[in-house]
Amino acid sequence: MARLIRTTAILTVAVTIFFSAFYGATRIPAYLTLSITFGTISYHIVMRLIVAAVFDRFMNNRADYRKAWYQVKPWEEKLYHILRVKQWKKYMPTYNKSTFDPRYHSWDEIAQATCQAELVHETNVVLSFLPILMSIRFGALSVFVITSVLSAALDMSFVILQRYNRPRVIRCIENQKARQMKKNA
């Protein structure tokens, strides 16, 4: 998945440059439309890669999952049931599956990784709305709003997924500690 996302980012940037150059040379409006379209797609992909890299550089999947920010509220459990998260979560892609794989990481490390992933996607939600500012230059406010809302909604689904999974991961940590205490007793 990581390779696919990076390749898509490179391709969309290249296509944006291509159509921008064609528009600059010909002034044909269709090339401007295609340039803006691919530029917006490029922004959304590249921005997500940069945000993830920055968080990884500074947090390195280390977070205190006991902090209040990461605690799932009682109303959230009800919301996740209404949203049927359990049914659709298996269809969600993962950038790097090994990050959440107990064969490679302890449950404690996985819980911390869910916190970082949550922060990355929450930041992406906010930054998804920056392209709306481009409507000042290019018009088409509704197009920028629609793409921003759809991008933010996609990232919110990943925030929901991390928050849905974290209590289950924490239960695995607690069960592992209980087994260890029994073993040591």
C-alpha atoms as a PDB file:
ATOM      1  CA  MET A   1       0.000   0.000   0.000  1.00  0.00           C
ATOM      2  CA  ALA A   2       2.838   2.414   0.829  1.00  0.00           C
ATOM      3  CA  ARG A   3       4.409   1.983  -2.609  1.00  0.00           C
ATOM      4  CA  LEU A   4       1.054   2.502  -4.325  1.00  0.00           C
ATOM      5  CA  ILE A   5       0.423   5.740  -2.436  1.00  0.00           C
ATOM      6  CA  ARG A   6       3.923   7.113  -3.110  1.00  0.00           C
ATOM      7  CA  THR A   7       3.681   6.174  -6.805  1.00  0.00           C
ATOM      8  CA  THR A   8       0.256   7.790  -7.071  1.00  0.00           C
ATOM      9  CA  ALA A   9       1.637  10.955  -5.468  1.00  0.00           C
ATOM     10  CA  ILE A  10       4.486  11.140  -7.989  1.00  0.00           C
ATOM     11  CA  LEU A  11       2.175  10.466 -10.929  1.00  0.00           C
ATOM     12  CA  THR A  12      -0.435  13.043  -9.919  1.00  0.00           C
ATOM     13  CA  VAL A  13       2.253  15.701  -9.407  1.00  0.00           C
ATOM     14  CA  ALA A  14       3.726  14.863 -12.834  1.00  0.00           C
ATOM     15  CA  VAL A  15       0.303  15.029 -14.494  1.00  0.00           C
ATOM     16  CA  THR A  16      -0.368  18.369 -12.758  1.00  0.00           C
ATOM     17  CA  ILE A  17       2.893  19.777 -14.114  1.00  0.00           C
ATOM     18  CA  PHE A  18       2.114  18.376 -17.566  1.00  0.00           C
ATOM     19  CA  PHE A  19      -1.348  19.972 -17.774  1.00  0.00           C
ATOM     20  CA  SER A  20      -0.091  23.231 -16.230  1.00  0.00           C
ATOM     21  CA  ALA A  21       2.600  23.452 -18.908  1.00  0.00           C
ATOM     22  CA  PHE A  22       0.048  22.723 -21.651  1.00  0.00           C
ATOM     23  CA  TYR A  23      -2.267  25.383 -20.274  1.00  0.00           C
ATOM     24  CA  GLY A  24       0.610  27.857 -20.095  1.00  0.00           C
ATOM     25  CA  ALA A  25       1.506  27.153 -23.730  1.00  0.00           C
ATOM     26  CA  THR A  26      -2.013  27.013 -25.192  1.00  0.00           C
ATOM     27  CA  ARG A  27      -4.345  28.831 -22.789  1.00  0.00           C
ATOM     28  CA  ILE A  28      -6.969  26.168 -23.500  1.00  0.00           C
ATOM     29  CA  PRO A  29      -9.378  26.201 -20.502  1.00  0.00           C
ATOM     30  CA  ALA A  30      -9.694  22.394 -20.390  1.00  0.00           C
ATOM     31  CA  TYR A  31      -5.984  22.147 -19.531  1.00  0.00           C
ATOM     32  CA  LEU A  32      -6.461  24.588 -16.667  1.00  0.00           C
ATOM     33  CA  THR A  33      -9.369  22.487 -15.375  1.00  0.00           C
ATOM     34  CA  LEU A  34      -7.279  19.312 -15.583  1.00  0.00           C
ATOM     35  CA  SER A  35      -4.326  21.067 -13.949  1.00  0.00           C
ATOM     36  CA  ILE A  36      -6.476  22.240 -11.034  1.00  0.00           C
ATOM     37  CA  THR A  37      -8.094  18.817 -10.698  1.00  0.00           C
ATOM     38  CA  PHE A  38      -4.812  16.910 -10.600  1.00  0.00           C
ATOM     39  CA  GLY A  39      -3.229  19.639  -8.479  1.00  0.00           C
ATOM     40  CA  THR A  40      -5.952  19.216  -5.873  1.00  0.00           C
ATOM     41  CA  ILE A  41      -5.592  15.436  -5.940  1.00  0.00           C
ATOM     42  CA  SER A  42      -1.811  15.847  -5.633  1.00  0.00           C
ATOM     43  CA  TYR A  43      -2.235  18.152  -2.663  1.00  0.00           C
ATOM     44  CA  HIS A  44      -4.430  15.674  -0.816  1.00  0.00           C
ATOM     45  CA  ILE A  45      -2.041  12.760  -1.384  1.00  0.00           C
ATOM     46  CA  VAL A  46       1.260  14.583  -0.833  1.00  0.00           C
ATOM     47  CA  MET A  47      -0.068  16.440   2.220  1.00  0.00           C
ATOM     48  CA  ARG A  48      -0.986  13.112   3.838  1.00  0.00           C
ATOM     49  CA  LEU A  49       2.467  11.683   3.166  1.00  0.00           C
ATOM     50  CA  ILE A  50       4.138  14.770   4.647  1.00  0.00           C
ATOM     51  CA  VAL A  51       1.901  14.835   7.740  1.00  0.00           C
ATOM     52  CA  ALA A  52       2.565  11.143   8.383  1.00  0.00           C
ATOM     53  CA  ALA A  53       6.322  11.622   7.934  1.00  0.00           C
ATOM     54  CA  VAL A  54       6.400  14.593  10.324  1.00  0.00           C
ATOM     55  CA  PHE A  55       4.475  12.709  13.024  1.00  0.00           C
ATOM     56  CA  ASP A  56       6.644   9.640  12.521  1.00  0.00           C
ATOM     57  CA  ARG A  57       9.810  11.745  12.797  1.00  0.00           C
ATOM     58  CA  PHE A  58       8.772  13.336  16.075  1.00  0.00           C
ATOM     59  CA  MET A  59       6.638  10.626  17.699  1.00  0.00           C
ATOM     60  CA  ASN A  60       8.016   7.416  16.190  1.00  0.00           C
ATOM     61  CA  ASN A  61       4.798   5.616  17.188  1.00  0.00           C
ATOM     62  CA  ARG A  62       5.278   6.559  20.832  1.00  0.00           C
ATOM     63  CA  ALA A  63       2.296   8.018  22.652  1.00  0.00           C
ATOM     64  CA  ASP A  64       0.688   7.582  26.039  1.00  0.00           C
ATOM     65  CA  TYR A  65      -2.587   5.901  25.170  1.00  0.00           C
ATOM     66  CA  ARG A  66      -3.778   6.548  28.739  1.00  0.00           C
ATOM     67  CA  LYS A  67      -4.001  10.306  28.151  1.00  0.00           C
ATOM     68  CA  ALA A  68      -7.472  11.814  28.051  1.00  0.00           C
ATOM     69  CA  TRP A  69      -7.293  12.718  24.349  1.00  0.00           C
ATOM     70  CA  TYR A  70      -6.998   9.060  23.370  1.00  0.00           C
ATOM     71  CA  GLN A  71      -9.696   7.746  25.687  1.00  0.00           C
ATOM     72  CA  VAL A  72     -12.837   6.557  23.965  1.00  0.00           C
ATOM     73  CA  LYS A  73     -15.908   8.237  25.417  1.00  0.00           C
ATOM     74  CA  PRO A  74     -19.025   6.187  26.252  1.00  0.00           C
ATOM     75  CA  TRP A  75     -21.044   7.895  23.529  1.00  0.00           C
ATOM     76  CA  GLU A  76     -18.423   6.896  20.961  1.00  0.00           C
ATOM     77  CA  GLU A  77     -19.042   3.190  21.518  1.00  0.00           C
ATOM     78  CA  LYS A  78     -22.716   3.771  20.729  1.00  0.00           C
ATOM     79  CA  LEU A  79     -21.813   5.798  17.643  1.00  0.00           C
ATOM     80  CA  TYR A  80     -19.449   3.086  16.396  1.00  0.00           C
ATOM     81  CA  HIS A  81     -22.228   0.535  16.807  1.00  0.00           C
ATOM     82  CA  ILE A  82     -24.631   2.752  14.817  1.00  0.00           C
ATOM     83  CA  LEU A  83     -21.958   3.257  12.140  1.00  0.00           C
ATOM     84  CA  ARG A  84     -21.384  -0.524  12.059  1.00  0.00           C
ATOM     85  CA  VAL A  85     -17.618  -0.073  12.275  1.00  0.00           C
ATOM     86  CA  LYS A  86     -17.133  -3.769  12.983  1.00  0.00           C
ATOM     87  CA  GLN A  87     -18.644  -4.630   9.581  1.00  0.00           C
ATOM     88  CA  TRP A  88     -16.578  -2.236   7.424  1.00  0.00           C
ATOM     89  CA  LYS A  89     -13.269  -1.998   9.246  1.00  0.00           C
ATOM     90  CA  LYS A  90     -11.862  -5.082   7.515  1.00  0.00           C
ATOM     91  CA  TYR A  91     -12.170  -3.289   4.153  1.00  0.00           C
ATOM     92  CA  MET A  92     -10.085  -0.294   5.183  1.00  0.00           C
ATOM     93  CA  PRO A  93      -6.553  -0.154   3.778  1.00  0.00           C
ATOM     94  CA  THR A  94      -3.510   0.148   6.011  1.00  0.00           C
ATOM     95  CA  TYR A  95      -0.444   2.106   4.923  1.00  0.00           C
ATOM     96  CA  ASN A  96       1.911  -0.307   6.688  1.00  0.00           C
ATOM     97  CA  LYS A  97       0.209  -3.432   8.057  1.00  0.00           C
ATOM     98  CA  SER A  98       3.241  -4.488  10.097  1.00  0.00           C
ATOM     99  CA  THR A  99       2.777  -1.416  12.325  1.00  0.00           C
ATOM    100  CA  PHE A 100      -0.356  -3.040  13.768  1.00  0.00           C
ATOM    101  CA  ASP A 101       0.800  -6.670  13.613  1.00  0.00           C
ATOM    102  CA  PRO A 102       1.326  -8.424  16.983  1.00  0.00           C
ATOM    103  CA  ARG A 103       3.873 -10.728  15.333  1.00  0.00           C
ATOM    104  CA  TYR A 104       6.202  -7.727  14.974  1.00  0.00           C
ATOM    105  CA  HIS A 105       5.128  -5.441  17.827  1.00  0.00           C
ATOM    106  CA  SER A 106       3.881  -5.759  21.370  1.00  0.00           C
ATOM    107  CA  TRP A 107       0.280  -4.823  22.093  1.00  0.00           C
ATOM    108  CA  ASP A 108       1.606  -1.794  23.967  1.00  0.00           C
ATOM    109  CA  GLU A 109       3.489  -0.631  20.860  1.00  0.00           C
ATOM    110  CA  ILE A 110       0.392  -1.212  18.736  1.00  0.00           C
ATOM    111  CA  ALA A 111      -1.734   0.857  21.128  1.00  0.00           C
ATOM    112  CA  GLN A 112       0.782   3.692  20.846  1.00  0.00           C
ATOM    113  CA  ALA A 113       0.793   3.395  17.056  1.00  0.00           C
ATOM    114  CA  THR A 114      -3.009   3.749  17.024  1.00  0.00           C
ATOM    115  CA  CYS A 115      -2.616   7.032  18.901  1.00  0.00           C
ATOM    116  CA  GLN A 116      -0.131   8.385  16.372  1.00  0.00           C
ATOM    117  CA  ALA A 117      -2.291   7.213  13.461  1.00  0.00           C
ATOM    118  CA  GLU A 118      -5.270   8.956  15.032  1.00  0.00           C
ATOM    119  CA  LEU A 119      -3.346  12.228  15.327  1.00  0.00           C
ATOM    120  CA  VAL A 120      -2.135  11.958  11.726  1.00  0.00           C
ATOM    121  CA  HIS A 121      -5.664  11.486  10.428  1.00  0.00           C
ATOM    122  CA  GLU A 122      -7.089  14.243  12.668  1.00  0.00           C
ATOM    123  CA  THR A 123      -4.464  16.628  11.282  1.00  0.00           C
ATOM    124  CA  ASN A 124      -5.327  15.494   7.760  1.00  0.00           C
ATOM    125  CA  VAL A 125      -8.987  16.301   8.413  1.00  0.00           C
ATOM    126  CA  VAL A 126      -8.096  19.912   9.234  1.00  0.00           C
ATOM    127  CA  LEU A 127      -5.624  20.276   6.350  1.00  0.00           C
ATOM    128  CA  SER A 128      -8.166  18.800   3.914  1.00  0.00           C
ATOM    129  CA  PHE A 129      -9.930  22.161   3.914  1.00  0.00           C
ATOM    130  CA  LEU A 130      -6.935  24.268   2.773  1.00  0.00           C
ATOM    131  CA  PRO A 131      -7.682  23.753  -0.945  1.00  0.00           C
ATOM    132  CA  ILE A 132     -10.865  25.769  -0.439  1.00  0.00           C
ATOM    133  CA  LEU A 133      -8.592  28.820  -0.388  1.00  0.00           C
ATOM    134  CA  MET A 134      -7.746  28.050  -4.026  1.00  0.00           C
ATOM    135  CA  SER A 135     -11.317  28.974  -4.942  1.00  0.00           C
ATOM    136  CA  ILE A 136     -10.321  32.603  -4.350  1.00  0.00           C
ATOM    137  CA  ARG A 137      -7.902  32.331  -7.286  1.00  0.00           C
ATOM    138  CA  PHE A 138      -9.745  29.876  -9.522  1.00  0.00           C
ATOM    139  CA  GLY A 139     -13.409  30.103  -8.522  1.00  0.00           C
ATOM    140  CA  ALA A 140     -15.393  26.859  -8.446  1.00  0.00           C
ATOM    141  CA  LEU A 141     -15.889  27.067  -4.684  1.00  0.00           C
ATOM    142  CA  SER A 142     -18.310  24.142  -4.689  1.00  0.00           C
ATOM    143  CA  VAL A 143     -15.748  21.822  -6.306  1.00  0.00           C
ATOM    144  CA  PHE A 144     -13.106  22.669  -3.699  1.00  0.00           C
ATOM    145  CA  VAL A 145     -15.634  22.313  -0.860  1.00  0.00           C
ATOM    146  CA  ILE A 146     -16.857  18.935  -2.125  1.00  0.00           C
ATOM    147  CA  THR A 147     -13.342  17.497  -2.533  1.00  0.00           C
ATOM    148  CA  SER A 148     -12.315  18.852   0.864  1.00  0.00           C
ATOM    149  CA  VAL A 149     -15.363  17.425   2.622  1.00  0.00           C
ATOM    150  CA  LEU A 150     -14.909  14.027   0.952  1.00  0.00           C
ATOM    151  CA  SER A 151     -11.208  13.959   1.878  1.00  0.00           C
ATOM    152  CA  ALA A 152     -11.959  14.944   5.458  1.00  0.00           C
ATOM    153  CA  ALA A 153     -14.666  12.270   5.673  1.00  0.00           C
ATOM    154  CA  LEU A 154     -12.219   9.639   4.453  1.00  0.00           C
ATOM    155  CA  ASP A 155      -9.711  10.623   7.130  1.00  0.00           C
ATOM    156  CA  MET A 156     -12.444  10.698   9.787  1.00  0.00           C
ATOM    157  CA  SER A 157     -13.197   7.072   8.939  1.00  0.00           C
ATOM    158  CA  PHE A 158      -9.581   6.253   9.837  1.00  0.00           C
ATOM    159  CA  VAL A 159      -9.837   8.267  13.069  1.00  0.00           C
ATOM    160  CA  ILE A 160     -12.964   6.282  13.939  1.00  0.00           C
ATOM    161  CA  LEU A 161     -11.177   3.042  13.097  1.00  0.00           C
ATOM    162  CA  GLN A 162      -8.230   3.840  15.398  1.00  0.00           C
ATOM    163  CA  ARG A 163     -10.519   4.874  18.235  1.00  0.00           C
ATOM    164  CA  TYR A 164     -12.696   1.795  17.705  1.00  0.00           C
ATOM    165  CA  ASN A 165      -9.700  -0.561  17.795  1.00  0.00           C
ATOM    166  CA  ARG A 166      -7.751   0.986  20.674  1.00  0.00           C
ATOM    167  CA  PRO A 167      -9.953  -0.321  23.539  1.00  0.00           C
ATOM    168  CA  ARG A 168      -9.630  -3.817  22.059  1.00  0.00           C
ATOM    169  CA  VAL A 169      -5.856  -3.479  21.887  1.00  0.00           C
ATOM    170  CA  ILE A 170      -5.784  -2.212  25.484  1.00  0.00           C
ATOM    171  CA  ARG A 171      -7.795  -5.280  26.536  1.00  0.00           C
ATOM    172  CA  CYS A 172      -5.114  -7.430  24.906  1.00  0.00           C
ATOM    173  CA  ILE A 173      -2.481  -5.571  26.947  1.00  0.00           C
ATOM    174  CA  GLU A 174      -4.445  -6.125  30.153  1.00  0.00           C
ATOM    175  CA  ASN A 175      -5.019  -9.813  29.375  1.00  0.00           C
ATOM    176  CA  GLN A 176      -1.331 -10.271  28.624  1.00  0.00           C
ATOM    177  CA  LYS A 177      -0.387  -8.605  31.924  1.00  0.00           C
ATOM    178  CA  ALA A 178      -2.887 -10.798  33.811  1.00  0.00           C
ATOM    179  CA  ARG A 179      -1.454 -13.943  32.222  1.00  0.00           C
ATOM    180  CA  GLN A 180       2.058 -12.816  33.097  1.00  0.00           C
ATOM    181  CA  MET A 181       1.044 -12.145  36.706  1.00  0.00           C
ATOM    182  CA  LYS A 182      -0.533 -15.620  36.958  1.00  0.00           C
ATOM    183  CA  LYS A 183       2.582 -17.151  35.480  1.00  0.00           C
ATOM    184  CA  ASN A 184       4.834 -15.301  37.946  1.00  0.00           C
ATOM    185  CA  ALA A 185       2.627 -16.097  40.954  1.00  0.00           C
END
